[in-house]
PDB file of N, CA and C in Angstrom:
ATOM      1  N   UNK A   1      13.370   7.994   0.540  1.00  0.00           N
ATOM      2  CA  UNK A   1      11.940   8.226   0.616  1.00  0.00           C
ATOM      3  C   UNK A   1      11.452   8.773  -0.715  1.00  0.00           C
ATOM      4  N   UNK A   2      10.337   8.309  -1.149  1.00  0.00           N
ATOM      5  CA  UNK A   2       9.731   8.711  -2.408  1.00  0.00           C
ATOM      6  C   UNK A   2       9.185  10.127  -2.291  1.00  0.00           C
ATOM      7  N   UNK A   3       9.406  10.937  -3.320  1.00  0.00           N
ATOM      8  CA  UNK A   3       8.932  12.314  -3.317  1.00  0.00           C
ATOM      9  C   UNK A   3       8.110  12.553  -4.574  1.00  0.00           C
ATOM     10  N   UNK A   4       6.856  12.920  -4.414  1.00  0.00           N
ATOM     11  CA  UNK A   4       5.938  13.108  -5.532  1.00  0.00           C
ATOM     12  C   UNK A   4       6.486  14.090  -6.559  1.00  0.00           C
ATOM     13  N   UNK A   5       7.083  15.156  -6.104  1.00  0.00           N
ATOM     14  CA  UNK A   5       7.572  16.185  -7.027  1.00  0.00           C
ATOM     15  C   UNK A   5       8.879  15.794  -7.725  1.00  0.00           C
ATOM     16  N   UNK A   6       9.772  15.102  -7.022  1.00  0.00           N
ATOM     17  CA  UNK A   6      11.098  14.843  -7.574  1.00  0.00           C
ATOM     18  C   UNK A   6      11.262  13.485  -8.247  1.00  0.00           C
ATOM     19  N   UNK A   7      10.437  12.511  -7.883  1.00  0.00           N
ATOM     20  CA  UNK A   7      10.664  11.157  -8.352  1.00  0.00           C
ATOM     21  C   UNK A   7       9.780  10.743  -9.529  1.00  0.00           C
ATOM     22  N   UNK A   8       8.916  11.611  -9.978  1.00  0.00           N
ATOM     23  CA  UNK A   8       8.033  11.261 -11.080  1.00  0.00           C
ATOM     24  C   UNK A   8       8.023  12.381 -12.108  1.00  0.00           C
ATOM     25  N   UNK A   9       7.782  11.991 -13.343  1.00  0.00           N
ATOM     26  CA  UNK A   9       7.607  12.962 -14.403  1.00  0.00           C
ATOM     27  C   UNK A   9       6.161  13.439 -14.357  1.00  0.00           C
ATOM     28  N   UNK A  10       5.956  14.748 -14.497  1.00  0.00           N
ATOM     29  CA  UNK A  10       4.578  15.221 -14.480  1.00  0.00           C
ATOM     30  C   UNK A  10       4.199  15.849 -15.816  1.00  0.00           C
ATOM     31  N   UNK A  11       2.943  15.602 -16.193  1.00  0.00           N
ATOM     32  CA  UNK A  11       2.364  16.099 -17.436  1.00  0.00           C
ATOM     33  C   UNK A  11       0.917  16.454 -17.164  1.00  0.00           C
ATOM     34  N   UNK A  12       0.363  17.286 -18.018  1.00  0.00           N
ATOM     35  CA  UNK A  12      -1.039  17.659 -17.824  1.00  0.00           C
ATOM     36  C   UNK A  12      -1.953  16.505 -18.241  1.00  0.00           C
ATOM     37  N   UNK A  13      -3.113  16.475 -17.624  1.00  0.00           N
ATOM     38  CA  UNK A  13      -4.120  15.479 -17.982  1.00  0.00           C
ATOM     39  C   UNK A  13      -4.491  15.619 -19.454  1.00  0.00           C
ATOM     40  N   UNK A  14      -4.513  16.837 -19.940  1.00  0.00           N
ATOM     41  CA  UNK A  14      -4.823  17.073 -21.353  1.00  0.00           C
ATOM     42  C   UNK A  14      -3.793  16.408 -22.258  1.00  0.00           C
ATOM     43  N   UNK A  15      -2.503  16.524 -21.898  1.00  0.00           N
ATOM     44  CA  UNK A  15      -1.457  15.854 -22.680  1.00  0.00           C
ATOM     45  C   UNK A  15      -1.698  14.351 -22.724  1.00  0.00           C
ATOM     46  N   UNK A  16      -2.066  13.795 -21.578  1.00  0.00           N
ATOM     47  CA  UNK A  16      -2.327  12.356 -21.514  1.00  0.00           C
ATOM     48  C   UNK A  16      -3.517  11.991 -22.395  1.00  0.00           C
ATOM     49  N   UNK A  17      -4.575  12.776 -22.342  1.00  0.00           N
ATOM     50  CA  UNK A  17      -5.765  12.482 -23.142  1.00  0.00           C
ATOM     51  C   UNK A  17      -5.472  12.589 -24.636  1.00  0.00           C
ATOM     52  N   UNK A  18      -4.568  13.482 -25.004  1.00  0.00           N
ATOM     53  CA  UNK A  18      -4.221  13.659 -26.415  1.00  0.00           C
ATOM     54  C   UNK A  18      -3.382  12.509 -26.964  1.00  0.00           C
ATOM     55  N   UNK A  19      -2.582  11.870 -26.104  1.00  0.00           N
ATOM     56  CA  UNK A  19      -1.689  10.827 -26.601  1.00  0.00           C
ATOM     57  C   UNK A  19      -1.419   9.754 -25.543  1.00  0.00           C
ATOM     58  N   UNK A  20      -2.432   8.995 -25.147  1.00  0.00           N
ATOM     59  CA  UNK A  20      -2.231   7.993 -24.092  1.00  0.00           C
ATOM     60  C   UNK A  20      -1.192   6.932 -24.449  1.00  0.00           C
ATOM     61  N   UNK A  21      -1.106   6.564 -25.733  1.00  0.00           N
ATOM     62  CA  UNK A  21      -0.151   5.531 -26.148  1.00  0.00           C
ATOM     63  C   UNK A  21       1.292   5.943 -25.818  1.00  0.00           C
ATOM     64  N   UNK A  22       1.614   7.203 -26.019  1.00  0.00           N
ATOM     65  CA  UNK A  22       2.948   7.715 -25.704  1.00  0.00           C
ATOM     66  C   UNK A  22       3.257   7.519 -24.213  1.00  0.00           C
ATOM     67  N   UNK A  23       2.284   7.818 -23.378  1.00  0.00           N
ATOM     68  CA  UNK A  23       2.509   7.722 -21.942  1.00  0.00           C
ATOM     69  C   UNK A  23       2.648   6.265 -21.495  1.00  0.00           C
ATOM     70  N   UNK A  24       1.881   5.382 -22.085  1.00  0.00           N
ATOM     71  CA  UNK A  24       2.011   3.956 -21.771  1.00  0.00           C
ATOM     72  C   UNK A  24       3.411   3.478 -22.143  1.00  0.00           C
ATOM     73  N   UNK A  25       3.883   3.886 -23.293  1.00  0.00           N
ATOM     74  CA  UNK A  25       5.237   3.508 -23.722  1.00  0.00           C
ATOM     75  C   UNK A  25       6.292   4.068 -22.768  1.00  0.00           C
ATOM     76  N   UNK A  26       6.104   5.316 -22.321  1.00  0.00           N
ATOM     77  CA  UNK A  26       7.056   5.931 -21.389  1.00  0.00           C
ATOM     78  C   UNK A  26       7.116   5.150 -20.079  1.00  0.00           C
ATOM     79  N   UNK A  27       5.961   4.777 -19.562  1.00  0.00           N
ATOM     80  CA  UNK A  27       5.917   4.040 -18.304  1.00  0.00           C
ATOM     81  C   UNK A  27       6.611   2.697 -18.454  1.00  0.00           C
ATOM     82  N   UNK A  28       6.349   2.017 -19.563  1.00  0.00           N
ATOM     83  CA  UNK A  28       7.001   0.721 -19.795  1.00  0.00           C
ATOM     84  C   UNK A  28       8.509   0.877 -19.929  1.00  0.00           C
ATOM     85  N   UNK A  29       8.942   1.928 -20.604  1.00  0.00           N
ATOM     86  CA  UNK A  29      10.368   2.151 -20.834  1.00  0.00           C
ATOM     87  C   UNK A  29      11.110   2.556 -19.558  1.00  0.00           C
ATOM     88  N   UNK A  30      10.534   3.478 -18.800  1.00  0.00           N
ATOM     89  CA  UNK A  30      11.236   4.022 -17.632  1.00  0.00           C
ATOM     90  C   UNK A  30      10.937   3.258 -16.350  1.00  0.00           C
ATOM     91  N   UNK A  31       9.827   2.493 -16.342  1.00  0.00           N
ATOM     92  CA  UNK A  31       9.382   1.799 -15.128  1.00  0.00           C
ATOM     93  C   UNK A  31       9.088   2.779 -13.996  1.00  0.00           C
ATOM     94  N   UNK A  32       8.733   4.019 -14.355  1.00  0.00           N
ATOM     95  CA  UNK A  32       8.401   5.040 -13.357  1.00  0.00           C
ATOM     96  C   UNK A  32       6.984   5.535 -13.588  1.00  0.00           C
ATOM     97  N   UNK A  33       6.276   5.841 -12.505  1.00  0.00           N
ATOM     98  CA  UNK A  33       4.937   6.413 -12.643  1.00  0.00           C
ATOM     99  C   UNK A  33       4.995   7.820 -13.233  1.00  0.00           C
ATOM    100  N   UNK A  34       3.876   8.252 -13.736  1.00  0.00           N
ATOM    101  CA  UNK A  34       3.763   9.608 -14.268  1.00  0.00           C
ATOM    102  C   UNK A  34       2.644  10.319 -13.502  1.00  0.00           C
ATOM    103  N   UNK A  35       2.925  11.548 -13.087  1.00  0.00           N
ATOM    104  CA  UNK A  35       1.927  12.366 -12.406  1.00  0.00           C
ATOM    105  C   UNK A  35       1.194  13.188 -13.466  1.00  0.00           C
ATOM    106  N   UNK A  36      -0.126  13.130 -13.415  1.00  0.00           N
ATOM    107  CA  UNK A  36      -0.938  13.956 -14.301  1.00  0.00           C
ATOM    108  C   UNK A  36      -1.456  15.137 -13.496  1.00  0.00           C
ATOM    109  N   UNK A  37      -1.316  16.310 -14.080  1.00  0.00           N
ATOM    110  CA  UNK A  37      -1.698  17.530 -13.379  1.00  0.00           C
ATOM    111  C   UNK A  37      -2.948  18.147 -13.988  1.00  0.00           C
ATOM    112  N   UNK A  38      -3.684  18.857 -13.162  1.00  0.00           N
ATOM    113  CA  UNK A  38      -4.823  19.658 -13.590  1.00  0.00           C
ATOM    114  C   UNK A  38      -4.593  21.049 -13.024  1.00  0.00           C
ATOM    115  N   UNK A  39      -4.545  22.027 -13.888  1.00  0.00           N
ATOM    116  CA  UNK A  39      -4.244  23.402 -13.479  1.00  0.00           C
ATOM    117  C   UNK A  39      -2.934  23.483 -12.697  1.00  0.00           C
ATOM    118  N   UNK A  40      -1.957  22.696 -13.119  1.00  0.00           N
ATOM    119  CA  UNK A  40      -0.639  22.733 -12.509  1.00  0.00           C
ATOM    120  C   UNK A  40      -0.492  21.980 -11.200  1.00  0.00           C
ATOM    121  N   UNK A  41      -1.567  21.373 -10.718  1.00  0.00           N
ATOM    122  CA  UNK A  41      -1.518  20.633  -9.457  1.00  0.00           C
ATOM    123  C   UNK A  41      -1.614  19.132  -9.721  1.00  0.00           C
ATOM    124  N   UNK A  42      -0.829  18.350  -8.998  1.00  0.00           N
ATOM    125  CA  UNK A  42      -0.864  16.894  -9.142  1.00  0.00           C
ATOM    126  C   UNK A  42      -2.253  16.382  -8.788  1.00  0.00           C
ATOM    127  N   UNK A  43      -2.842  15.591  -9.693  1.00  0.00           N
ATOM    128  CA  UNK A  43      -4.187  15.058  -9.476  1.00  0.00           C
ATOM    129  C   UNK A  43      -4.227  13.539  -9.570  1.00  0.00           C
ATOM    130  N   UNK A  44      -3.467  12.960 -10.486  1.00  0.00           N
ATOM    131  CA  UNK A  44      -3.506  11.520 -10.714  1.00  0.00           C
ATOM    132  C   UNK A  44      -2.099  10.984 -10.910  1.00  0.00           C
ATOM    133  N   UNK A  45      -1.929   9.720 -10.567  1.00  0.00           N
ATOM    134  CA  UNK A  45      -0.674   9.030 -10.837  1.00  0.00           C
ATOM    135  C   UNK A  45      -1.017   7.806 -11.673  1.00  0.00           C
ATOM    136  N   UNK A  46      -0.310   7.634 -12.767  1.00  0.00           N
ATOM    137  CA  UNK A  46      -0.513   6.431 -13.569  1.00  0.00           C
ATOM    138  C   UNK A  46       0.774   5.611 -13.525  1.00  0.00           C
ATOM    139  N   UNK A  47       0.591   4.293 -13.457  1.00  0.00           N
ATOM    140  CA  UNK A  47       1.735   3.394 -13.408  1.00  0.00           C
ATOM    141  C   UNK A  47       1.316   2.049 -13.975  1.00  0.00           C
ATOM    142  N   UNK A  48       2.291   1.204 -14.260  1.00  0.00           N
ATOM    143  CA  UNK A  48       1.942  -0.096 -14.828  1.00  0.00           C
ATOM    144  C   UNK A  48       1.419  -1.029 -13.741  1.00  0.00           C
ATOM    145  N   UNK A  49       0.707  -2.053 -14.168  1.00  0.00           N
ATOM    146  CA  UNK A  49       0.035  -2.961 -13.239  1.00  0.00           C
ATOM    147  C   UNK A  49       1.011  -3.713 -12.352  1.00  0.00           C
ATOM    148  N   UNK A  50       2.152  -4.107 -12.875  1.00  0.00           N
ATOM    149  CA  UNK A  50       3.129  -4.856 -12.074  1.00  0.00           C
ATOM    150  C   UNK A  50       3.672  -3.974 -10.953  1.00  0.00           C
ATOM    151  N   UNK A  51       3.986  -2.723 -11.259  1.00  0.00           N
ATOM    152  CA  UNK A  51       4.478  -1.800 -10.233  1.00  0.00           C
ATOM    153  C   UNK A  51       3.410  -1.564  -9.177  1.00  0.00           C
ATOM    154  N   UNK A  52       2.161  -1.454  -9.606  1.00  0.00           N
ATOM    155  CA  UNK A  52       1.067  -1.258  -8.653  1.00  0.00           C
ATOM    156  C   UNK A  52       0.925  -2.464  -7.738  1.00  0.00           C
ATOM    157  N   UNK A  53       0.992  -3.658  -8.311  1.00  0.00           N
ATOM    158  CA  UNK A  53       0.891  -4.875  -7.506  1.00  0.00           C
ATOM    159  C   UNK A  53       2.014  -4.938  -6.481  1.00  0.00           C
ATOM    160  N   UNK A  54       3.223  -4.595  -6.883  1.00  0.00           N
ATOM    161  CA  UNK A  54       4.357  -4.585  -5.951  1.00  0.00           C
ATOM    162  C   UNK A  54       4.116  -3.582  -4.820  1.00  0.00           C
ATOM    163  N   UNK A  55       3.564  -2.432  -5.174  1.00  0.00           N
ATOM    164  CA  UNK A  55       3.277  -1.399  -4.176  1.00  0.00           C
ATOM    165  C   UNK A  55       2.254  -1.897  -3.165  1.00  0.00           C
ATOM    166  N   UNK A  56       1.200  -2.530  -3.649  1.00  0.00           N
ATOM    167  CA  UNK A  56       0.161  -3.064  -2.767  1.00  0.00           C
ATOM    168  C   UNK A  56       0.745  -4.146  -1.856  1.00  0.00           C
ATOM    169  N   UNK A  57       1.581  -5.011  -2.408  1.00  0.00           N
ATOM    170  CA  UNK A  57       2.200  -6.066  -1.602  1.00  0.00           C
ATOM    171  C   UNK A  57       3.115  -5.480  -0.530  1.00  0.00           C
ATOM    172  N   UNK A  58       3.877  -4.456  -0.880  1.00  0.00           N
ATOM    173  CA  UNK A  58       4.749  -3.816   0.108  1.00  0.00           C
ATOM    174  C   UNK A  58       3.936  -3.163   1.218  1.00  0.00           C
ATOM    175  N   UNK A  59       2.854  -2.519   0.849  1.00  0.00           N
ATOM    176  CA  UNK A  59       1.991  -1.886   1.845  1.00  0.00           C
ATOM    177  C   UNK A  59       1.393  -2.932   2.773  1.00  0.00           C
ATOM    178  N   UNK A  60       0.915  -4.032   2.202  1.00  0.00           N
ATOM    179  CA  UNK A  60       0.340  -5.107   3.008  1.00  0.00           C
ATOM    180  C   UNK A  60       1.381  -5.658   3.985  1.00  0.00           C
ATOM    181  N   UNK A  61       2.597  -5.867   3.493  1.00  0.00           N
ATOM    182  CA  UNK A  61       3.679  -6.371   4.352  1.00  0.00           C
ATOM    183  C   UNK A  61       3.981  -5.373   5.475  1.00  0.00           C
ATOM    184  N   UNK A  62       4.093  -4.093   5.126  1.00  0.00           N
ATOM    185  CA  UNK A  62       4.408  -3.067   6.131  1.00  0.00           C
ATOM    186  C   UNK A  62       3.313  -2.977   7.190  1.00  0.00           C
ATOM    187  N   UNK A  63       2.054  -3.069   6.763  1.00  0.00           N
ATOM    188  CA  UNK A  63       0.954  -3.025   7.725  1.00  0.00           C
ATOM    189  C   UNK A  63       0.966  -4.256   8.626  1.00  0.00           C
ATOM    190  N   UNK A  64       1.309  -5.411   8.078  1.00  0.00           N
ATOM    191  CA  UNK A  64       1.385  -6.635   8.886  1.00  0.00           C
ATOM    192  C   UNK A  64       2.492  -6.526   9.927  1.00  0.00           C
ATOM    193  N   UNK A  65       3.648  -6.052   9.508  1.00  0.00           N
ATOM    194  CA  UNK A  65       4.775  -5.885  10.437  1.00  0.00           C
ATOM    195  C   UNK A  65       4.404  -4.906  11.543  1.00  0.00           C
ATOM    196  N   UNK A  66       3.763  -3.799  11.181  1.00  0.00           N
ATOM    197  CA  UNK A  66       3.367  -2.802  12.185  1.00  0.00           C
ATOM    198  C   UNK A  66       2.371  -3.397  13.175  1.00  0.00           C
ATOM    199  N   UNK A  67       1.421  -4.198  12.692  1.00  0.00           N
ATOM    200  CA  UNK A  67       0.430  -4.811  13.580  1.00  0.00           C
ATOM    201  C   UNK A  67       1.084  -5.820  14.518  1.00  0.00           C
ATOM    202  N   UNK A  68       2.022  -6.594  13.998  1.00  0.00           N
ATOM    203  CA  UNK A  68       2.737  -7.566  14.843  1.00  0.00           C
ATOM    204  C   UNK A  68       3.534  -6.835  15.914  1.00  0.00           C
ATOM    205  N   UNK A  69       4.229  -5.774  15.517  1.00  0.00           N
ATOM    206  CA  UNK A  69       5.005  -4.991  16.496  1.00  0.00           C
ATOM    207  C   UNK A  69       4.098  -4.399  17.567  1.00  0.00           C
ATOM    208  N   UNK A  70       2.950  -3.896  17.147  1.00  0.00           N
ATOM    209  CA  UNK A  70       2.014  -3.331  18.114  1.00  0.00           C
ATOM    210  C   UNK A  70       1.530  -4.410  19.076  1.00  0.00           C
ATOM    211  N   UNK A  71       1.224  -5.584  18.555  1.00  0.00           N
ATOM    212  CA  UNK A  71       0.783  -6.686  19.404  1.00  0.00           C
ATOM    213  C   UNK A  71       1.845  -7.098  20.401  1.00  0.00           C
ATOM    214  N   UNK A  72       3.078  -7.171  19.964  1.00  0.00           N
ATOM    215  CA  UNK A  72       4.186  -7.533  20.863  1.00  0.00           C
ATOM    216  C   UNK A  72       4.330  -6.479  21.952  1.00  0.00           C
ATOM    217  N   UNK A  73       4.281  -5.212  21.561  1.00  0.00           N
ATOM    218  CA  UNK A  73       4.404  -4.120  22.533  1.00  0.00           C
ATOM    219  C   UNK A  73       3.277  -4.180  23.556  1.00  0.00           C
ATOM    220  N   UNK A  74       2.055  -4.369  23.080  1.00  0.00           N
ATOM    221  CA  UNK A  74       0.919  -4.435  23.997  1.00  0.00           C
ATOM    222  C   UNK A  74       1.030  -5.634  24.929  1.00  0.00           C
ATOM    223  N   UNK A  75       1.496  -6.751  24.414  1.00  0.00           N
ATOM    224  CA  UNK A  75       1.664  -7.934  25.253  1.00  0.00           C
ATOM    225  C   UNK A  75       2.715  -7.679  26.334  1.00  0.00           C
ATOM    226  N   UNK A  76       3.818  -7.028  25.926  1.00  0.00           N
ATOM    227  CA  UNK A  76       4.879  -6.710  26.891  1.00  0.00           C
ATOM    228  C   UNK A  76       4.397  -5.718  27.945  1.00  0.00           C
ATOM    229  N   UNK A  77       3.398  -4.920  27.621  1.00  0.00           N
ATOM    230  CA  UNK A  77       2.836  -3.958  28.577  1.00  0.00           C
ATOM    231  C   UNK A  77       1.738  -4.593  29.426  1.00  0.00           C
ATOM    232  N   UNK A  78       1.550  -5.892  29.277  1.00  0.00           N
ATOM    233  CA  UNK A  78       0.555  -6.595  30.077  1.00  0.00           C
ATOM    234  C   UNK A  78      -0.861  -6.496  29.533  1.00  0.00           C
ATOM    235  N   UNK A  79      -1.010  -6.080  28.299  1.00  0.00           N
ATOM    236  CA  UNK A  79      -2.341  -5.909  27.722  1.00  0.00           C
ATOM    237  C   UNK A  79      -2.817  -7.157  26.973  1.00  0.00           C
ATOM    238  N   UNK A  80      -2.062  -8.211  27.020  1.00  0.00           N
ATOM    239  CA  UNK A  80      -2.433  -9.418  26.295  1.00  0.00           C
ATOM    240  C   UNK A  80      -2.455 -10.625  27.201  1.00  0.00           C
ATOM    241  N   UNK A  81      -2.700 -11.769  26.598  1.00  0.00           N
ATOM    242  CA  UNK A  81      -2.671 -13.017  27.348  1.00  0.00           C
ATOM    243  C   UNK A  81      -2.132 -14.091  26.423  1.00  0.00           C
ATOM    244  N   UNK A  82      -1.572 -15.139  26.980  1.00  0.00           N
ATOM    245  CA  UNK A  82      -1.051 -16.213  26.145  1.00  0.00           C
ATOM    246  C   UNK A  82      -2.147 -16.799  25.257  1.00  0.00           C
ATOM    247  N   UNK A  83      -1.762 -17.224  24.067  1.00  0.00           N
ATOM    248  CA  UNK A  83      -2.714 -17.734  23.080  1.00  0.00           C
ATOM    249  C   UNK A  83      -3.547 -18.884  23.629  1.00  0.00           C
ATOM    250  N   UNK A  84      -2.945 -19.780  24.392  1.00  0.00           N
ATOM    251  CA  UNK A  84      -3.720 -20.933  24.878  1.00  0.00           C
ATOM    252  C   UNK A  84      -4.878 -20.500  25.765  1.00  0.00           C
ATOM    253  N   UNK A  85      -4.675 -19.422  26.564  1.00  0.00           N
ATOM    254  CA  UNK A  85      -5.757 -18.912  27.412  1.00  0.00           C
ATOM    255  C   UNK A  85      -6.828 -18.220  26.567  1.00  0.00           C
ATOM    256  N   UNK A  86      -6.387 -17.423  25.602  1.00  0.00           N
ATOM    257  CA  UNK A  86      -7.336 -16.719  24.735  1.00  0.00           C
ATOM    258  C   UNK A  86      -8.163 -17.718  23.926  1.00  0.00           C
ATOM    259  N   UNK A  87      -7.513 -18.748  23.398  1.00  0.00           N
ATOM    260  CA  UNK A  87      -8.236 -19.767  22.633  1.00  0.00           C
ATOM    261  C   UNK A  87      -9.214 -20.542  23.517  1.00  0.00           C
ATOM    262  N   UNK A  88      -8.805 -20.830  24.729  1.00  0.00           N
ATOM    263  CA  UNK A  88      -9.702 -21.534  25.655  1.00  0.00           C
ATOM    264  C   UNK A  88     -10.942 -20.685  25.935  1.00  0.00           C
ATOM    265  N   UNK A  89     -10.752 -19.387  26.129  1.00  0.00           N
ATOM    266  CA  UNK A  89     -11.889 -18.493  26.351  1.00  0.00           C
ATOM    267  C   UNK A  89     -12.820 -18.457  25.139  1.00  0.00           C
ATOM    268  N   UNK A  90     -12.243 -18.417  23.957  1.00  0.00           N
ATOM    269  CA  UNK A  90     -13.057 -18.406  22.741  1.00  0.00           C
ATOM    270  C   UNK A  90     -13.837 -19.707  22.584  1.00  0.00           C
ATOM    271  N   UNK A  91     -13.179 -20.830  22.879  1.00  0.00           N
ATOM    272  CA  UNK A  91     -13.870 -22.123  22.796  1.00  0.00           C
ATOM    273  C   UNK A  91     -15.060 -22.157  23.754  1.00  0.00           C
ATOM    274  N   UNK A  92     -14.827 -21.672  24.975  1.00  0.00           N
ATOM    275  CA  UNK A  92     -15.889 -21.674  25.978  1.00  0.00           C
ATOM    276  C   UNK A  92     -17.021 -20.733  25.560  1.00  0.00           C
ATOM    277  N   UNK A  93     -16.652 -19.536  25.107  1.00  0.00           N
ATOM    278  CA  UNK A  93     -17.639 -18.534  24.730  1.00  0.00           C
ATOM    279  C   UNK A  93     -18.529 -19.035  23.584  1.00  0.00           C
ATOM    280  N   UNK A  94     -17.939 -19.739  22.629  1.00  0.00           N
ATOM    281  CA  UNK A  94     -18.679 -20.180  21.455  1.00  0.00           C
ATOM    282  C   UNK A  94     -19.054 -21.660  21.499  1.00  0.00           C
ATOM    283  N   UNK A  95     -18.891 -22.260  22.671  1.00  0.00           N
ATOM    284  CA  UNK A  95     -19.252 -23.653  22.863  1.00  0.00           C
ATOM    285  C   UNK A  95     -18.614 -24.576  21.816  1.00  0.00           C
ATOM    286  N   UNK A  96     -17.291 -24.462  21.705  1.00  0.00           N
ATOM    287  CA  UNK A  96     -16.530 -25.274  20.763  1.00  0.00           C
ATOM    288  C   UNK A  96     -15.696 -26.260  21.561  1.00  0.00           C
ATOM    289  N   UNK A  97     -15.827 -27.544  21.239  1.00  0.00           N
ATOM    290  CA  UNK A  97     -15.022 -28.543  21.961  1.00  0.00           C
ATOM    291  C   UNK A  97     -13.635 -28.603  21.347  1.00  0.00           C
ATOM    292  N   UNK A  98     -12.644 -28.924  22.176  1.00  0.00           N
ATOM    293  CA  UNK A  98     -11.266 -28.965  21.682  1.00  0.00           C
ATOM    294  C   UNK A  98     -10.882 -30.253  21.089  1.00  0.00           C
TER     295      UNK A  98
END
């Protein structure tokens, strides 16, 4: 499990503002995000675009899996109906011919 305090290097926002090029190079070299702090507290995380895209894709996948699992569970609990019946109801409701 990822830990904000242990898995990232932290620096002050002021340090980042003084030398952003250094931090960009560090991120590219280490492939790890950097936590920027304000008054000693984590405020921002900076990371490269590819890592961010991977993170977004993983989140999307995890949310999809969770939704599918929830749907299966609800169906098994009798809270659903077979797709052919649901589609037939939608066709009728919206006056769509098959």
